[in-house]
């Protein structure tokens, strides 16, 4: 009986934690979006700082998984039947722009700003 209770607890915990593996990833995507805009304006400095920025992005992703994603999945999205999106910003200032390959753009096709 004890093994069954432990197995049920582990299964329930795994089910609850799966909600944190998906979601808006607001902090992580904010860092990614900021880095993308920073690179468009100052590519050399962005390249030098990239390792530190991505360490911060990894920490932000972990924080997202244990806070925002868990909340939005279990409290908001699962009941609404639709997910919460992250709104990407379209900053000006880059030399060119690459499109989102999942929204009909060709891979590595550059368009002028």
Protein backbone atom coordinates (compact mmCIF):
# COMPACT_ATOMS: atom_id res chain seq x y z
CA UNK A 1 0.00 0.00 0.00
CA UNK A 2 2.86 2.33 0.81
CA UNK A 3 4.42 1.76 -2.63
CA UNK A 4 1.13 2.58 -4.36
CA UNK A 5 0.76 5.82 -2.36
CA UNK A 6 4.34 6.82 -3.18
CA UNK A 7 3.83 6.02 -6.85
CA UNK A 8 0.58 8.03 -6.91
CA UNK A 9 2.33 10.98 -5.25
CA UNK A 10 5.21 10.87 -7.75
CA UNK A 11 2.77 10.62 -10.66
CA UNK A 12 0.73 13.59 -9.36
CA UNK A 13 3.90 15.65 -8.86
CA UNK A 14 5.07 14.86 -12.40
CA UNK A 15 1.67 15.88 -13.77
CA UNK A 16 1.69 19.18 -11.86
CA UNK A 17 5.26 19.98 -12.92
CA UNK A 18 4.50 19.43 -16.61
CA UNK A 19 2.58 22.70 -16.51
CA UNK A 20 5.82 24.60 -15.96
CA UNK A 21 7.45 23.25 -19.11
CA UNK A 22 5.19 25.28 -21.33
CA UNK A 23 3.88 28.81 -21.13
CA UNK A 24 4.67 32.36 -22.10
CA UNK A 25 8.25 32.36 -20.71
CA UNK A 26 7.89 36.08 -20.13
CA UNK A 27 11.24 36.74 -18.45
CA UNK A 28 13.26 34.55 -20.81
CA UNK A 29 11.67 35.96 -23.94
CA UNK A 30 12.06 39.50 -22.61
CA UNK A 31 15.81 38.90 -22.28
CA UNK A 32 15.88 37.33 -25.76
CA UNK A 33 13.93 40.22 -27.25
CA UNK A 34 16.18 42.77 -25.52
CA UNK A 35 19.30 40.95 -26.75
CA UNK A 36 17.94 40.85 -30.30
CA UNK A 37 17.30 44.59 -30.26
CA UNK A 38 20.67 45.26 -28.62
CA UNK A 39 22.43 43.22 -31.32
CA UNK A 40 20.63 45.19 -34.05
CA UNK A 41 21.96 48.45 -32.60
CA UNK A 42 25.44 47.42 -31.33
CA UNK A 43 26.53 44.05 -32.74
CA UNK A 44 30.11 44.10 -31.43
CA UNK A 45 29.18 44.92 -27.84
CA UNK A 46 26.28 42.46 -27.95
CA UNK A 47 28.66 39.73 -29.14
CA UNK A 48 31.10 40.46 -26.30
CA UNK A 49 28.34 40.43 -23.68
CA UNK A 50 26.40 37.47 -25.12
CA UNK A 51 27.77 34.80 -22.76
CA UNK A 52 26.69 36.84 -19.74
CA UNK A 53 23.35 37.71 -21.30
CA UNK A 54 22.59 34.05 -21.99
CA UNK A 55 23.51 33.04 -18.46
CA UNK A 56 20.95 35.61 -17.33
CA UNK A 57 18.48 34.23 -19.86
CA UNK A 58 18.96 30.72 -18.45
CA UNK A 59 18.25 31.98 -14.94
CA UNK A 60 15.22 33.89 -16.26
CA UNK A 61 13.94 30.72 -17.97
CA UNK A 62 14.25 28.77 -14.72
CA UNK A 63 12.40 31.50 -12.82
CA UNK A 64 9.70 31.43 -15.52
CA UNK A 65 9.29 27.69 -15.13
CA UNK A 66 8.70 27.84 -11.40
CA UNK A 67 6.56 31.00 -11.37
CA UNK A 68 4.91 32.47 -14.48
CA UNK A 69 4.52 29.31 -16.55
CA UNK A 70 3.12 27.29 -13.68
CA UNK A 71 0.63 30.04 -12.82
CA UNK A 72 -0.55 30.71 -16.37
CA UNK A 73 -0.89 27.03 -17.24
CA UNK A 74 -2.72 25.80 -14.14
CA UNK A 75 -4.65 28.95 -13.14
CA UNK A 76 -5.45 30.71 -16.41
CA UNK A 77 -4.83 28.75 -19.61
CA UNK A 78 -6.04 25.26 -18.79
CA UNK A 79 -9.50 26.59 -17.88
CA UNK A 80 -9.74 28.98 -20.85
CA UNK A 81 -8.60 26.34 -23.35
CA UNK A 82 -6.17 28.83 -24.92
CA UNK A 83 -2.61 29.73 -24.03
CA UNK A 84 -1.09 33.04 -23.03
CA UNK A 85 1.26 34.53 -25.63
CA UNK A 86 4.34 36.68 -25.29
CA UNK A 87 4.12 39.86 -27.39
CA UNK A 88 7.33 40.33 -29.34
CA UNK A 89 8.44 43.86 -30.07
CA UNK A 90 9.43 44.95 -33.55
CA UNK A 91 12.18 47.48 -32.98
CA UNK A 92 13.67 49.58 -35.72
CA UNK A 93 17.35 50.24 -36.13
CA UNK A 94 18.72 47.03 -37.57
CA UNK A 95 20.37 46.73 -40.97
CA UNK A 96 17.98 43.98 -42.05
CA UNK A 97 15.38 41.63 -40.63
CA UNK A 98 14.81 37.88 -40.66
CA UNK A 99 11.24 36.58 -40.66
CA UNK A 100 9.73 33.93 -38.41
CA UNK A 101 10.17 30.60 -40.20
CA UNK A 102 7.00 29.26 -38.59
CA UNK A 103 4.89 32.04 -40.08
CA UNK A 104 5.65 31.55 -43.76
CA UNK A 105 9.06 33.21 -44.02
CA UNK A 106 11.90 31.36 -45.70
CA UNK A 107 14.85 30.32 -43.58
CA UNK A 108 17.64 32.92 -43.67
CA UNK A 109 15.80 35.25 -46.07
CA UNK A 110 16.82 38.81 -45.22
CA UNK A 111 14.52 41.75 -45.83
CA UNK A 112 15.56 45.39 -45.61
CA UNK A 113 14.31 47.49 -42.72
